[in-house]
Amino acid sequence: GAFLIRTWVTLKAEQTILPLVDEALQHTTTKGIVFQHPEIVAHMDLMREDLHLEPFYWKLPEQFEGKKLMAYGGKLKYAIYFEAREETGFSTYNPQVIIRGGTPTHARIIVRHMAAPLIGQLTRHEIEMTEKEWKYYGDDPRVHRTVTREDFLDILYDIHYILIKATYGNFMRQSRISEISMEVA
């Protein structure tokens, strides 16, 4: 039978910075965001002049959007690092990954919660691109409504955006992301 060759969607060489957005994508900024190989670094004090409503999210570029059915069963990978002035007040309440997609008439947003990374420690995430462990956006966290396979495939049929959380609580000095890739068959 036929076999699938796995390839990886990654950042292009010229994509040295990513914008930060708020959860509702009302505002976007690249202020205070610099490239320090291999990481994209956001300096929070500068960035907060443009964005006000936390949490902030990294928005992945266009090659992570669009028709991505072949990503089903693959992985989304990234590494997160942040520095903060205090050990307290880190929220895991906001989702770490947000994906919006679907047909124009039937768009859905799904989210993925995970434990917050530790301060000053590079944390690598490998997220399976299947319906399990995803939830529908905006639900009361106590309501356990997992995403159906059909809905997940609908989203992958046309991804509108993927957001990855950049802020964990107050007093953050900087947030960094690196090693972003999505596996497609």
N, C-alpha and C. Protein backbone atom coordinates (compact mmCIF):
# COMPACT_ATOMS: atom_id res chain seq x y z
N GLY A 1 0.82 -1.21 0.00
CA GLY A 1 0.00 0.00 0.00
C GLY A 1 0.85 1.26 0.00
N ALA A 2 0.20 2.38 -0.17
CA ALA A 2 0.92 3.66 -0.21
C ALA A 2 1.40 4.01 1.19
N PHE A 3 2.49 4.73 1.27
CA PHE A 3 2.93 5.20 2.58
C PHE A 3 3.05 6.72 2.53
N LEU A 4 2.89 7.31 3.69
CA LEU A 4 2.92 8.77 3.79
C LEU A 4 4.29 9.23 4.21
N ILE A 5 4.78 10.24 3.56
CA ILE A 5 6.05 10.84 3.95
C ILE A 5 5.74 12.04 4.83
N ARG A 6 6.33 12.06 6.01
CA ARG A 6 6.09 13.16 6.93
C ARG A 6 7.05 14.31 6.63
N THR A 7 6.47 15.49 6.54
CA THR A 7 7.32 16.68 6.40
C THR A 7 6.94 17.65 7.51
N TRP A 8 7.76 18.67 7.68
CA TRP A 8 7.53 19.62 8.76
C TRP A 8 7.36 21.03 8.19
N VAL A 9 6.31 21.70 8.63
CA VAL A 9 6.12 23.12 8.35
C VAL A 9 6.86 23.87 9.45
N THR A 10 7.75 24.79 9.07
CA THR A 10 8.53 25.53 10.06
C THR A 10 8.53 27.01 9.68
N LEU A 11 9.19 27.81 10.50
CA LEU A 11 9.35 29.22 10.14
C LEU A 11 10.35 29.33 8.99
N LYS A 12 10.10 30.26 8.10
CA LYS A 12 11.04 30.51 7.01
C LYS A 12 12.20 31.36 7.53
N ALA A 13 13.31 31.31 6.82
CA ALA A 13 14.51 32.02 7.25
C ALA A 13 14.25 33.51 7.48
N GLU A 14 13.39 34.08 6.63
CA GLU A 14 13.15 35.53 6.76
C GLU A 14 12.12 35.86 7.85
N GLN A 15 11.48 34.83 8.40
CA GLN A 15 10.49 35.07 9.46
C GLN A 15 11.19 35.06 10.82
N THR A 16 11.87 36.15 11.09
CA THR A 16 12.70 36.19 12.30
C THR A 16 11.92 36.67 13.51
N ILE A 17 10.76 37.28 13.29
CA ILE A 17 9.92 37.62 14.43
C ILE A 17 8.47 37.25 14.14
N LEU A 18 7.72 37.05 15.20
CA LEU A 18 6.28 36.79 15.09
C LEU A 18 5.56 37.90 15.84
N PRO A 19 4.36 38.25 15.40
CA PRO A 19 3.59 39.25 16.15
C PRO A 19 3.00 38.64 17.42
N LEU A 20 2.77 39.50 18.40
CA LEU A 20 1.97 39.12 19.56
C LEU A 20 0.59 39.75 19.43
N VAL A 21 -0.42 39.00 19.83
CA VAL A 21 -1.80 39.46 19.76
C VAL A 21 -2.47 39.19 21.09
N ASP A 22 -3.62 39.86 21.30
CA ASP A 22 -4.43 39.46 22.44
C ASP A 22 -5.35 38.32 22.00
N GLU A 23 -6.01 37.75 22.98
CA GLU A 23 -6.80 36.54 22.74
C GLU A 23 -7.87 36.73 21.67
N ALA A 24 -8.44 37.92 21.63
CA ALA A 24 -9.52 38.19 20.67
C ALA A 24 -9.00 38.73 19.33
N LEU A 25 -7.69 38.83 19.20
CA LEU A 25 -7.05 39.39 18.00
C LEU A 25 -7.53 40.81 17.69
N GLN A 26 -7.81 41.55 18.75
CA GLN A 26 -8.19 42.95 18.58
C GLN A 26 -6.96 43.81 18.29
N HIS A 27 -5.85 43.45 18.90
CA HIS A 27 -4.63 44.24 18.76
C HIS A 27 -3.47 43.32 18.44
N THR A 28 -2.52 43.85 17.71
CA THR A 28 -1.33 43.08 17.37
C THR A 28 -0.13 44.01 17.44
N THR A 29 1.03 43.45 17.82
CA THR A 29 2.22 44.29 17.88
C THR A 29 3.47 43.47 17.58
N THR A 30 4.48 44.16 17.07
CA THR A 30 5.82 43.57 16.96
C THR A 30 6.81 44.43 17.76
N LYS A 31 6.28 45.37 18.52
CA LYS A 31 7.13 46.26 19.31
C LYS A 31 7.80 45.48 20.44
N GLY A 32 9.11 45.64 20.56
CA GLY A 32 9.82 44.94 21.63
C GLY A 32 10.11 43.48 21.32
N ILE A 33 9.82 43.06 20.08
CA ILE A 33 10.07 41.67 19.69
C ILE A 33 11.31 41.62 18.80
N VAL A 34 12.27 40.80 19.19
CA VAL A 34 13.54 40.72 18.46
C VAL A 34 13.90 39.26 18.24
N PHE A 35 14.79 39.05 17.29
CA PHE A 35 15.29 37.71 17.01
C PHE A 35 16.66 37.55 17.63
N GLN A 36 16.80 36.57 18.51
CA GLN A 36 18.11 36.20 19.06
C GLN A 36 18.25 34.71 18.81
N HIS A 37 18.89 34.39 17.73
CA HIS A 37 18.95 33.01 17.26
C HIS A 37 19.24 32.05 18.42
N PRO A 38 18.49 30.95 18.60
CA PRO A 38 17.38 30.50 17.74
C PRO A 38 16.00 30.95 18.22
N GLU A 39 15.97 31.93 19.10
CA GLU A 39 14.70 32.27 19.74
C GLU A 39 14.13 33.61 19.26
N ILE A 40 12.80 33.70 19.28
CA ILE A 40 12.12 34.98 19.11
C ILE A 40 11.79 35.46 20.51
N VAL A 41 12.23 36.67 20.82
CA VAL A 41 12.15 37.18 22.19
C VAL A 41 11.25 38.41 22.23
N ALA A 42 10.30 38.40 23.16
CA ALA A 42 9.44 39.57 23.39
C ALA A 42 9.85 40.23 24.70
N HIS A 43 10.24 41.50 24.62
CA HIS A 43 10.53 42.28 25.82
C HIS A 43 9.24 42.94 26.27
N MET A 44 8.75 42.47 27.41
CA MET A 44 7.38 42.78 27.81
C MET A 44 7.12 44.26 28.06
N ASP A 45 8.09 44.97 28.63
CA ASP A 45 7.84 46.37 28.97
C ASP A 45 7.56 47.19 27.71
N LEU A 46 8.32 46.94 26.66
CA LEU A 46 8.11 47.65 25.39
C LEU A 46 6.78 47.24 24.75
N MET A 47 6.55 45.95 24.77
CA MET A 47 5.39 45.40 24.11
C MET A 47 4.08 45.88 24.73
N ARG A 48 4.09 46.06 26.05
CA ARG A 48 2.87 46.47 26.76
C ARG A 48 2.43 47.89 26.39
N GLU A 49 3.32 48.65 25.74
CA GLU A 49 2.89 49.98 25.27
C GLU A 49 1.82 49.84 24.18
N ASP A 50 1.84 48.71 23.47
CA ASP A 50 0.85 48.48 22.39
C ASP A 50 -0.29 47.56 22.81
N LEU A 51 0.02 46.55 23.60
CA LEU A 51 -1.00 45.58 24.01
C LEU A 51 -1.29 45.77 25.49
N HIS A 52 -2.55 45.65 25.85
CA HIS A 52 -2.91 45.91 27.24
C HIS A 52 -3.60 44.72 27.90
N LEU A 53 -4.40 44.03 27.14
CA LEU A 53 -5.26 43.00 27.73
C LEU A 53 -4.57 41.64 27.69
N GLU A 54 -4.02 41.21 28.84
CA GLU A 54 -3.38 39.90 28.87
C GLU A 54 -4.46 38.82 28.93
N PRO A 55 -4.16 37.60 28.55
CA PRO A 55 -2.86 37.10 28.10
C PRO A 55 -2.56 37.46 26.64
N PHE A 56 -1.28 37.43 26.30
CA PHE A 56 -0.86 37.66 24.92
C PHE A 56 -0.45 36.33 24.31
N TYR A 57 -0.60 36.26 22.99
CA TYR A 57 -0.30 35.02 22.26
C TYR A 57 0.59 35.32 21.07
N TRP A 58 1.50 34.40 20.78
CA TRP A 58 2.23 34.42 19.52
C TRP A 58 1.27 33.96 18.42
N LYS A 59 1.29 34.65 17.29
CA LYS A 59 0.46 34.22 16.16
C LYS A 59 1.36 33.59 15.09
N LEU A 60 1.09 32.34 14.76
CA LEU A 60 1.93 31.65 13.79
C LEU A 60 1.67 32.17 12.39
N PRO A 61 2.70 32.16 11.54
CA PRO A 61 2.56 32.75 10.20
C PRO A 61 1.73 31.89 9.24
N GLU A 62 1.58 32.43 8.03
CA GLU A 62 0.58 31.90 7.10
C GLU A 62 0.80 30.44 6.69
N GLN A 63 2.04 29.96 6.74
CA GLN A 63 2.24 28.56 6.32
C GLN A 63 1.64 27.55 7.33
N PHE A 64 1.25 28.04 8.51
CA PHE A 64 0.57 27.19 9.49
C PHE A 64 -0.94 27.29 9.36
N GLU A 65 -1.39 28.10 8.42
CA GLU A 65 -2.82 28.31 8.22
C GLU A 65 -3.28 27.63 6.93
N GLY A 66 -4.57 27.74 6.66
CA GLY A 66 -5.10 27.19 5.41
C GLY A 66 -5.39 25.71 5.49
N LYS A 67 -5.32 25.05 4.36
CA LYS A 67 -5.71 23.64 4.27
C LYS A 67 -4.65 22.74 4.92
N LYS A 68 -5.02 22.14 6.04
CA LYS A 68 -4.05 21.37 6.82
C LYS A 68 -4.59 20.00 7.23
N LEU A 69 -5.46 19.42 6.40
CA LEU A 69 -5.98 18.09 6.72
C LEU A 69 -4.85 17.07 6.89
N MET A 70 -3.75 17.27 6.17
CA MET A 70 -2.65 16.33 6.24
C MET A 70 -1.87 16.44 7.55
N ALA A 71 -2.22 17.43 8.37
CA ALA A 71 -1.60 17.54 9.69
C ALA A 71 -2.28 16.61 10.70
N TYR A 72 -3.41 16.05 10.32
CA TYR A 72 -4.14 15.19 11.27
C TYR A 72 -3.26 14.01 11.68
N GLY A 73 -3.17 13.78 12.99
CA GLY A 73 -2.37 12.68 13.49
C GLY A 73 -0.90 13.02 13.66
N GLY A 74 -0.51 14.20 13.18
CA GLY A 74 0.88 14.65 13.35
C GLY A 74 1.03 15.42 14.64
N LYS A 75 2.10 16.19 14.74
CA LYS A 75 2.36 16.94 15.96
C LYS A 75 2.60 18.41 15.66
N LEU A 76 2.21 19.24 16.61
CA LEU A 76 2.59 20.64 16.62
C LEU A 76 3.61 20.79 17.74
N LYS A 77 4.79 21.30 17.41
CA LYS A 77 5.86 21.39 18.40
C LYS A 77 6.33 22.83 18.56
N TYR A 78 6.70 23.17 19.78
CA TYR A 78 7.33 24.47 20.02
C TYR A 78 8.01 24.44 21.37
N ALA A 79 8.89 25.39 21.59
CA ALA A 79 9.58 25.52 22.87
C ALA A 79 9.32 26.92 23.41
N ILE A 80 9.03 26.98 24.71
CA ILE A 80 8.68 28.22 25.39
C ILE A 80 9.68 28.47 26.52
N TYR A 81 10.01 29.74 26.70
CA TYR A 81 10.88 30.12 27.83
C TYR A 81 10.43 31.49 28.29
N PHE A 82 10.36 31.70 29.60
CA PHE A 82 10.07 33.06 30.04
C PHE A 82 10.77 33.41 31.34
N GLU A 83 10.95 34.70 31.51
CA GLU A 83 11.56 35.24 32.72
C GLU A 83 10.54 36.15 33.38
N ALA A 84 10.46 36.06 34.70
CA ALA A 84 9.51 36.89 35.43
C ALA A 84 10.15 37.39 36.71
N ARG A 85 9.57 38.45 37.25
CA ARG A 85 10.10 39.05 38.46
C ARG A 85 9.61 38.34 39.71
N GLU A 86 8.58 37.55 39.59
CA GLU A 86 8.01 36.90 40.78
C GLU A 86 7.63 35.47 40.45
N GLU A 87 7.61 34.66 41.50
CA GLU A 87 7.26 33.26 41.33
C GLU A 87 5.76 33.03 41.40
N THR A 88 5.01 34.07 41.80
CA THR A 88 3.61 33.83 42.12
C THR A 88 2.67 34.28 41.01
N GLY A 89 1.47 33.79 41.09
CA GLY A 89 0.39 34.31 40.26
C GLY A 89 0.41 33.84 38.82
N PHE A 90 0.92 32.65 38.58
CA PHE A 90 0.93 32.17 37.20
C PHE A 90 -0.33 31.41 36.91
N SER A 91 -1.00 31.83 35.85
CA SER A 91 -2.31 31.25 35.57
C SER A 91 -2.17 30.17 34.52
N THR A 92 -2.85 29.06 34.75
CA THR A 92 -2.98 28.06 33.69
C THR A 92 -4.42 28.09 33.19
N TYR A 93 -5.17 29.09 33.65
CA TYR A 93 -6.59 29.14 33.29
C TYR A 93 -6.76 29.40 31.80
N ASN A 94 -5.95 30.30 31.26
CA ASN A 94 -6.08 30.59 29.83
C ASN A 94 -5.43 29.47 29.03
N PRO A 95 -6.05 29.13 27.90
CA PRO A 95 -5.48 28.03 27.11
C PRO A 95 -4.09 28.37 26.58
N GLN A 96 -3.26 27.35 26.42
CA GLN A 96 -1.92 27.56 25.87
C GLN A 96 -1.91 27.59 24.36
N VAL A 97 -2.86 26.89 23.73
CA VAL A 97 -2.93 26.91 22.26
C VAL A 97 -4.39 27.15 21.87
N ILE A 98 -4.59 28.02 20.90
CA ILE A 98 -5.92 28.33 20.39
C ILE A 98 -5.87 28.16 18.87
N ILE A 99 -6.80 27.39 18.33
CA ILE A 99 -6.88 27.22 16.87
C ILE A 99 -8.29 27.57 16.42
N ARG A 100 -8.38 28.43 15.43
CA ARG A 100 -9.67 28.72 14.81
C ARG A 100 -9.62 28.24 13.37
N GLY A 101 -10.69 27.60 12.94
CA GLY A 101 -10.74 27.14 11.56
C GLY A 101 -12.13 26.69 11.19
N GLY A 102 -12.23 26.16 9.99
CA GLY A 102 -13.51 25.65 9.51
C GLY A 102 -13.92 26.33 8.23
N THR A 103 -15.10 25.94 7.77
CA THR A 103 -15.64 26.54 6.56
C THR A 103 -16.17 27.92 6.92
N PRO A 104 -16.34 28.80 5.92
CA PRO A 104 -16.82 30.16 6.22
C PRO A 104 -18.13 30.18 7.01
N THR A 105 -18.99 29.23 6.75
CA THR A 105 -20.28 29.20 7.43
C THR A 105 -20.21 28.50 8.79
N HIS A 106 -19.13 27.83 9.07
CA HIS A 106 -19.09 26.92 10.23
C HIS A 106 -17.72 26.98 10.90
N ALA A 107 -17.34 28.17 11.36
CA ALA A 107 -16.04 28.32 12.01
C ALA A 107 -16.13 27.90 13.47
N ARG A 108 -15.06 27.28 13.95
CA ARG A 108 -15.00 26.88 15.36
C ARG A 108 -13.65 27.27 15.93
N ILE A 109 -13.65 27.45 17.25
CA ILE A 109 -12.40 27.70 17.95
C ILE A 109 -12.22 26.58 18.97
N ILE A 110 -11.03 25.96 18.96
CA ILE A 110 -10.72 24.93 19.95
C ILE A 110 -9.46 25.34 20.71
N VAL A 111 -9.34 24.83 21.92
CA VAL A 111 -8.24 25.24 22.79
C VAL A 111 -7.61 24.02 23.45
N ARG A 112 -6.38 24.24 23.89
CA ARG A 112 -5.63 23.17 24.56
C ARG A 112 -5.03 23.75 25.83
N HIS A 113 -5.34 23.15 26.96
CA HIS A 113 -4.78 23.56 28.25
C HIS A 113 -3.63 22.64 28.63
N MET A 114 -2.60 23.22 29.20
CA MET A 114 -1.49 22.44 29.74
C MET A 114 -0.94 23.16 30.95
N ALA A 115 -0.14 22.48 31.74
CA ALA A 115 0.49 23.13 32.88
C ALA A 115 1.41 24.24 32.38
N ALA A 116 1.48 25.32 33.13
CA ALA A 116 2.35 26.43 32.74
C ALA A 116 3.80 26.00 32.83
N PRO A 117 4.64 26.49 31.90
CA PRO A 117 6.07 26.20 32.00
C PRO A 117 6.67 26.86 33.24
N LEU A 118 7.78 26.34 33.69
CA LEU A 118 8.45 26.92 34.85
C LEU A 118 9.28 28.13 34.44
N ILE A 119 9.39 29.09 35.35
CA ILE A 119 10.18 30.29 35.09
C ILE A 119 11.64 29.90 34.81
N GLY A 120 12.21 30.52 33.77
CA GLY A 120 13.63 30.35 33.50
C GLY A 120 14.02 28.96 33.05
N GLN A 121 13.05 28.22 32.52
CA GLN A 121 13.34 26.86 32.08
C GLN A 121 12.72 26.60 30.71
N LEU A 122 13.54 26.20 29.76
CA LEU A 122 13.02 25.91 28.42
C LEU A 122 12.07 24.72 28.49
N THR A 123 10.86 24.92 27.98
CA THR A 123 9.85 23.87 28.02
C THR A 123 9.44 23.53 26.60
N ARG A 124 9.63 22.27 26.22
CA ARG A 124 9.24 21.84 24.87
C ARG A 124 7.88 21.17 24.92
N HIS A 125 7.00 21.59 24.02
CA HIS A 125 5.69 20.95 23.93
C HIS A 125 5.57 20.22 22.60
N GLU A 126 4.97 19.04 22.66
CA GLU A 126 4.60 18.28 21.46
C GLU A 126 3.12 17.99 21.59
N ILE A 127 2.34 18.62 20.75
CA ILE A 127 0.89 18.50 20.86
C ILE A 127 0.38 17.67 19.71
N GLU A 128 -0.39 16.65 20.04
CA GLU A 128 -0.94 15.79 18.99
C GLU A 128 -2.08 16.48 18.28
N MET A 129 -2.01 16.46 16.97
CA MET A 129 -3.05 17.08 16.15
C MET A 129 -4.16 16.06 15.87
N THR A 130 -4.77 15.61 16.98
CA THR A 130 -5.99 14.83 16.89
C THR A 130 -6.97 15.46 17.88
N GLU A 131 -8.21 15.03 17.84
CA GLU A 131 -9.24 15.69 18.64
C GLU A 131 -9.06 15.53 20.15
N LYS A 132 -8.29 14.52 20.58
CA LYS A 132 -8.26 14.26 22.03
C LYS A 132 -7.51 15.36 22.77
N GLU A 133 -8.03 15.69 23.93
CA GLU A 133 -7.49 16.72 24.83
C GLU A 133 -7.76 18.15 24.38
N TRP A 134 -8.41 18.34 23.25
CA TRP A 134 -8.84 19.68 22.86
C TRP A 134 -10.24 19.93 23.42
N LYS A 135 -10.53 21.19 23.68
CA LYS A 135 -11.87 21.57 24.15
C LYS A 135 -12.38 22.70 23.28
N TYR A 136 -13.70 22.90 23.33
CA TYR A 136 -14.28 24.03 22.62
C TYR A 136 -14.01 25.31 23.41
N TYR A 137 -13.70 26.36 22.71
CA TYR A 137 -13.36 27.63 23.32
C TYR A 137 -14.54 28.23 24.05
N GLY A 138 -14.26 28.84 25.21
CA GLY A 138 -15.27 29.63 25.88
C GLY A 138 -16.18 28.83 26.80
N ASP A 139 -16.01 27.53 26.84
CA ASP A 139 -16.82 26.75 27.76
C ASP A 139 -16.34 26.95 29.19
N ASP A 140 -17.26 26.85 30.12
CA ASP A 140 -16.92 26.79 31.52
C ASP A 140 -15.92 25.64 31.70
N PRO A 141 -14.78 25.91 32.36
CA PRO A 141 -13.74 24.87 32.45
C PRO A 141 -14.23 23.59 33.13
N ARG A 142 -15.32 23.68 33.90
CA ARG A 142 -15.82 22.47 34.57
C ARG A 142 -16.65 21.60 33.64
N VAL A 143 -17.07 22.20 32.53
CA VAL A 143 -17.85 21.41 31.57
C VAL A 143 -16.87 20.68 30.66
N HIS A 144 -16.90 19.38 30.71
CA HIS A 144 -15.93 18.62 29.93
C HIS A 144 -16.53 18.25 28.59
N ARG A 145 -16.30 19.10 27.62
CA ARG A 145 -16.82 18.82 26.28
C ARG A 145 -15.64 18.65 25.36
N THR A 146 -15.30 17.42 25.06
CA THR A 146 -14.18 17.19 24.17
C THR A 146 -14.62 17.41 22.73
N VAL A 147 -13.64 17.68 21.91
CA VAL A 147 -13.89 18.00 20.51
C VAL A 147 -14.11 16.70 19.72
N THR A 148 -15.08 16.72 18.82
CA THR A 148 -15.33 15.53 18.01
C THR A 148 -14.29 15.45 16.88
N ARG A 149 -14.10 14.26 16.38
CA ARG A 149 -13.17 14.06 15.26
C ARG A 149 -13.63 14.86 14.04
N GLU A 150 -14.92 14.86 13.82
CA GLU A 150 -15.49 15.58 12.67
C GLU A 150 -15.19 17.08 12.76
N ASP A 151 -15.38 17.65 13.95
CA ASP A 151 -15.10 19.08 14.14
C ASP A 151 -13.62 19.38 13.98
N PHE A 152 -12.79 18.49 14.51
CA PHE A 152 -11.35 18.71 14.40
C PHE A 152 -10.92 18.72 12.93
N LEU A 153 -11.46 17.78 12.16
CA LEU A 153 -11.14 17.73 10.73
C LEU A 153 -11.70 18.94 9.99
N ASP A 154 -12.87 19.41 10.41
CA ASP A 154 -13.44 20.63 9.83
C ASP A 154 -12.49 21.81 10.02
N ILE A 155 -11.91 21.91 11.21
CA ILE A 155 -10.99 23.00 11.52
C ILE A 155 -9.73 22.89 10.66
N LEU A 156 -9.20 21.66 10.56
CA LEU A 156 -7.99 21.45 9.75
C LEU A 156 -8.25 21.69 8.26
N TYR A 157 -9.50 21.56 7.86
CA TYR A 157 -9.84 21.79 6.45
C TYR A 157 -9.45 23.21 6.05
N ASP A 158 -9.57 24.15 7.00
CA ASP A 158 -9.11 25.51 6.71
C ASP A 158 -8.79 26.22 8.03
N ILE A 159 -7.53 26.20 8.43
CA ILE A 159 -7.12 26.86 9.67
C ILE A 159 -7.04 28.37 9.43
N HIS A 160 -7.74 29.12 10.27
CA HIS A 160 -7.71 30.58 10.16
C HIS A 160 -6.53 31.16 10.93
N TYR A 161 -6.27 30.62 12.11
CA TYR A 161 -5.08 31.03 12.86
C TYR A 161 -4.76 30.03 13.95
N ILE A 162 -3.47 30.03 14.33
CA ILE A 162 -3.01 29.27 15.49
C ILE A 162 -2.30 30.26 16.42
N LEU A 163 -2.71 30.27 17.68
CA LEU A 163 -2.10 31.13 18.68
C LEU A 163 -1.44 30.28 19.76
N ILE A 164 -0.26 30.72 20.19
CA ILE A 164 0.47 30.03 21.27
C ILE A 164 0.74 31.03 22.38
N LYS A 165 0.39 30.65 23.59
CA LYS A 165 0.43 31.58 24.72
C LYS A 165 1.85 32.06 25.01
N ALA A 166 1.96 33.38 25.24
CA ALA A 166 3.27 33.99 25.51
C ALA A 166 3.38 34.52 26.93
N THR A 167 2.27 34.75 27.60
CA THR A 167 2.35 35.36 28.93
C THR A 167 1.75 34.45 30.00
N TYR A 168 2.43 34.41 31.12
CA TYR A 168 2.01 33.60 32.26
C TYR A 168 2.06 34.46 33.51
N GLY A 169 0.93 35.10 33.83
CA GLY A 169 0.90 35.93 35.02
C GLY A 169 1.58 37.26 34.81
N ASN A 170 1.62 38.05 35.88
CA ASN A 170 2.17 39.40 35.83
C ASN A 170 3.69 39.36 35.98
N PHE A 171 4.28 40.51 35.95
CA PHE A 171 5.70 40.67 36.28
C PHE A 171 6.62 39.94 35.30
N MET A 172 6.15 39.72 34.10
CA MET A 172 7.02 39.05 33.14
C MET A 172 7.99 40.04 32.53
N ARG A 173 9.23 39.63 32.44
CA ARG A 173 10.25 40.46 31.80
C ARG A 173 10.33 40.16 30.32
N GLN A 174 10.39 38.88 30.02
CA GLN A 174 10.43 38.50 28.60
C GLN A 174 9.85 37.13 28.40
N SER A 175 9.43 36.91 27.17
CA SER A 175 8.88 35.62 26.77
C SER A 175 9.56 35.24 25.46
N ARG A 176 9.91 33.99 25.34
CA ARG A 176 10.60 33.54 24.12
C ARG A 176 9.92 32.30 23.55
N ILE A 177 10.00 32.19 22.23
CA ILE A 177 9.49 30.98 21.57
C ILE A 177 10.51 30.54 20.53
N SER A 178 10.61 29.24 20.33
CA SER A 178 11.55 28.70 19.33
C SER A 178 11.07 27.30 18.92
N GLU A 179 11.78 26.75 17.95
CA GLU A 179 11.55 25.35 17.52
C GLU A 179 10.10 25.08 17.12
N ILE A 180 9.49 26.06 16.42
CA ILE A 180 8.09 25.88 16.02
C ILE A 180 8.00 25.03 14.77
N SER A 181 7.23 23.96 14.84
CA SER A 181 7.04 23.15 13.63
C SER A 181 5.74 22.36 13.72
N MET A 182 5.19 22.08 12.55
CA MET A 182 3.97 21.27 12.46
C MET A 182 4.20 20.15 11.47
N GLU A 183 3.86 18.96 11.91
CA GLU A 183 4.10 17.77 11.09
C GLU A 183 2.92 17.54 10.15
N VAL A 184 3.21 17.37 8.88
CA VAL A 184 2.15 17.06 7.92
C VAL A 184 2.57 15.85 7.10
N ALA A 185 1.55 15.08 6.71
CA ALA A 185 1.86 13.86 5.94
C ALA A 185 1.91 14.19 4.45
